[in-house]
C-alpha atoms as a PDB file:
ATOM      1  CA  UNK A   1     183.728 203.082  89.404  1.00  0.00           C
ATOM      2  CA  UNK A   2     183.326 205.637  86.644  1.00  0.00           C
ATOM      3  CA  UNK A   3     182.011 203.306  83.939  1.00  0.00           C
ATOM      4  CA  UNK A   4     178.617 203.036  85.647  1.00  0.00           C
ATOM      5  CA  UNK A   5     177.922 206.780  85.614  1.00  0.00           C
ATOM      6  CA  UNK A   6     176.469 206.735  82.088  1.00  0.00           C
ATOM      7  CA  UNK A   7     174.250 203.707  82.602  1.00  0.00           C
ATOM      8  CA  UNK A   8     170.537 204.408  83.075  1.00  0.00           C
ATOM      9  CA  UNK A   9     169.406 203.917  86.604  1.00  0.00           C
ATOM     10  CA  UNK A  10     166.485 201.569  87.334  1.00  0.00           C
ATOM     11  CA  UNK A  11     164.232 204.445  88.406  1.00  0.00           C
ATOM     12  CA  UNK A  12     164.741 206.066  84.994  1.00  0.00           C
ATOM     13  CA  UNK A  13     163.837 202.812  83.274  1.00  0.00           C
ATOM     14  CA  UNK A  14     160.711 202.621  85.396  1.00  0.00           C
ATOM     15  CA  UNK A  15     159.386 205.751  83.651  1.00  0.00           C
ATOM     16  CA  UNK A  16     161.042 205.221  80.276  1.00  0.00           C
ATOM     17  CA  UNK A  17     159.188 202.051  79.263  1.00  0.00           C
ATOM     18  CA  UNK A  18     155.636 203.277  80.053  1.00  0.00           C
ATOM     19  CA  UNK A  19     156.457 206.625  78.448  1.00  0.00           C
ATOM     20  CA  UNK A  20     157.574 204.902  75.247  1.00  0.00           C
ATOM     21  CA  UNK A  21     154.347 202.867  75.106  1.00  0.00           C
ATOM     22  CA  UNK A  22     152.247 205.965  75.799  1.00  0.00           C
ATOM     23  CA  UNK A  23     154.020 207.945  73.086  1.00  0.00           C
ATOM     24  CA  UNK A  24     153.587 205.113  70.573  1.00  0.00           C
ATOM     25  CA  UNK A  25     149.887 204.898  71.474  1.00  0.00           C
ATOM     26  CA  UNK A  26     149.395 208.645  71.031  1.00  0.00           C
ATOM     27  CA  UNK A  27     151.163 208.603  67.669  1.00  0.00           C
ATOM     28  CA  UNK A  28     149.066 205.661  66.526  1.00  0.00           C
ATOM     29  CA  UNK A  29     145.873 207.379  67.685  1.00  0.00           C
ATOM     30  CA  UNK A  30     146.798 210.549  65.750  1.00  0.00           C
ATOM     31  CA  UNK A  31     147.571 208.392  62.693  1.00  0.00           C
ATOM     32  CA  UNK A  32     144.145 206.766  63.010  1.00  0.00           C
ATOM     33  CA  UNK A  33     142.376 210.125  63.353  1.00  0.00           C
ATOM     34  CA  UNK A  34     144.130 211.560  60.317  1.00  0.00           C
ATOM     35  CA  UNK A  35     143.362 208.472  58.245  1.00  0.00           C
ATOM     36  CA  UNK A  36     139.687 208.438  59.237  1.00  0.00           C
ATOM     37  CA  UNK A  37     139.400 212.163  58.577  1.00  0.00           C
ATOM     38  CA  UNK A  38     141.119 212.286  55.184  1.00  0.00           C
ATOM     39  CA  UNK A  39     141.198 208.935  53.412  1.00  0.00           C
ATOM     40  CA  UNK A  40     137.461 208.105  53.298  1.00  0.00           C
ATOM     41  CA  UNK A  41     136.683 211.542  51.869  1.00  0.00           C
ATOM     42  CA  UNK A  42     139.546 211.790  49.368  1.00  0.00           C
ATOM     43  CA  UNK A  43     140.021 208.208  48.180  1.00  0.00           C
ATOM     44  CA  UNK A  44     136.784 206.498  49.328  1.00  0.00           C
ATOM     45  CA  UNK A  45     138.749 204.122  51.579  1.00  0.00           C
ATOM     46  CA  UNK A  46     137.177 202.561  54.692  1.00  0.00           C
ATOM     47  CA  UNK A  47     137.790 203.852  58.185  1.00  0.00           C
ATOM     48  CA  UNK A  48     140.279 201.940  60.315  1.00  0.00           C
ATOM     49  CA  UNK A  49     140.478 201.037  63.994  1.00  0.00           C
ATOM     50  CA  UNK A  50     143.395 201.482  66.409  1.00  0.00           C
ATOM     51  CA  UNK A  51     145.067 198.135  65.669  1.00  0.00           C
ATOM     52  CA  UNK A  52     144.866 198.635  61.924  1.00  0.00           C
ATOM     53  CA  UNK A  53     146.386 202.082  62.390  1.00  0.00           C
ATOM     54  CA  UNK A  54     149.191 200.546  64.453  1.00  0.00           C
ATOM     55  CA  UNK A  55     149.875 198.027  61.683  1.00  0.00           C
ATOM     56  CA  UNK A  56     149.912 200.707  58.995  1.00  0.00           C
ATOM     57  CA  UNK A  57     152.126 202.927  61.133  1.00  0.00           C
ATOM     58  CA  UNK A  58     154.665 200.128  61.669  1.00  0.00           C
ATOM     59  CA  UNK A  59     154.540 199.149  58.007  1.00  0.00           C
ATOM     60  CA  UNK A  60     155.198 202.723  56.904  1.00  0.00           C
ATOM     61  CA  UNK A  61     158.054 202.968  59.415  1.00  0.00           C
ATOM     62  CA  UNK A  62     159.647 199.824  57.987  1.00  0.00           C
ATOM     63  CA  UNK A  63     159.150 200.838  54.364  1.00  0.00           C
ATOM     64  CA  UNK A  64     160.262 204.460  54.620  1.00  0.00           C
ATOM     65  CA  UNK A  65     162.984 204.398  57.269  1.00  0.00           C
ATOM     66  CA  UNK A  66     164.126 200.791  57.376  1.00  0.00           C
ATOM     67  CA  UNK A  67     164.415 198.322  60.200  1.00  0.00           C
ATOM     68  CA  UNK A  68     167.026 199.049  62.844  1.00  0.00           C
ATOM     69  CA  UNK A  69     168.500 202.081  61.105  1.00  0.00           C
ATOM     70  CA  UNK A  70     170.579 203.837  63.721  1.00  0.00           C
ATOM     71  CA  UNK A  71     171.190 207.540  63.111  1.00  0.00           C
ATOM     72  CA  UNK A  72     173.614 207.790  66.030  1.00  0.00           C
ATOM     73  CA  UNK A  73     176.037 205.162  64.703  1.00  0.00           C
ATOM     74  CA  UNK A  74     178.440 207.699  63.229  1.00  0.00           C
ATOM     75  CA  UNK A  75     178.619 209.773  66.393  1.00  0.00           C
ATOM     76  CA  UNK A  76     179.643 206.769  68.456  1.00  0.00           C
ATOM     77  CA  UNK A  77     182.463 205.964  66.067  1.00  0.00           C
ATOM     78  CA  UNK A  78     183.590 209.587  66.002  1.00  0.00           C
ATOM     79  CA  UNK A  79     182.841 210.006  62.303  1.00  0.00           C
ATOM     80  CA  UNK A  80     180.858 212.657  60.564  1.00  0.00           C
ATOM     81  CA  UNK A  81     178.195 211.623  58.118  1.00  0.00           C
ATOM     82  CA  UNK A  82     180.065 213.392  55.320  1.00  0.00           C
ATOM     83  CA  UNK A  83     183.256 211.441  56.062  1.00  0.00           C
ATOM     84  CA  UNK A  84     181.842 207.982  55.578  1.00  0.00           C
ATOM     85  CA  UNK A  85     178.550 208.105  53.717  1.00  0.00           C
ATOM     86  CA  UNK A  86     178.980 210.579  50.862  1.00  0.00           C
ATOM     87  CA  UNK A  87     180.994 210.426  47.709  1.00  0.00           C
ATOM     88  CA  UNK A  88     184.513 211.708  47.641  1.00  0.00           C
ATOM     89  CA  UNK A  89     184.354 215.498  47.384  1.00  0.00           C
ATOM     90  CA  UNK A  90     187.360 215.636  45.041  1.00  0.00           C
ATOM     91  CA  UNK A  91     185.603 213.400  42.526  1.00  0.00           C
ATOM     92  CA  UNK A  92     182.461 215.517  42.635  1.00  0.00           C
ATOM     93  CA  UNK A  93     184.375 218.815  42.363  1.00  0.00           C
ATOM     94  CA  UNK A  94     186.214 217.894  39.155  1.00  0.00           C
ATOM     95  CA  UNK A  95     184.042 218.561  36.117  1.00  0.00           C
ATOM     96  CA  UNK A  96     184.047 215.792  33.556  1.00  0.00           C
ATOM     97  CA  UNK A  97     185.095 216.824  30.102  1.00  0.00           C
ATOM     98  CA  UNK A  98     182.917 215.836  27.229  1.00  0.00           C
ATOM     99  CA  UNK A  99     184.264 213.178  24.935  1.00  0.00           C
ATOM    100  CA  UNK A 100     186.370 211.472  27.599  1.00  0.00           C
ATOM    101  CA  UNK A 101     185.522 208.277  29.356  1.00  0.00           C
END
């Protein structure tokens, strides 16, 4: 059965989930350290704890990159980003003449 070759095996999932939590914790800890190092000095803001840093990190993720935005969507469909998400190149290449609508 060839269709099962690409599926993750349970032993890989055993390490994947704790690794994801550890990586998220490290990123949140770095975010907290940077905030507590820079923000109180520059903007006179209070220091934050780990859970506040996690909340700010998630909020910034949602605001700046969106919720559920999948960068690999185009690769699965066999499309290039330029083929589906940019303006038509012919329209952009033609210069518009002044005085015409």
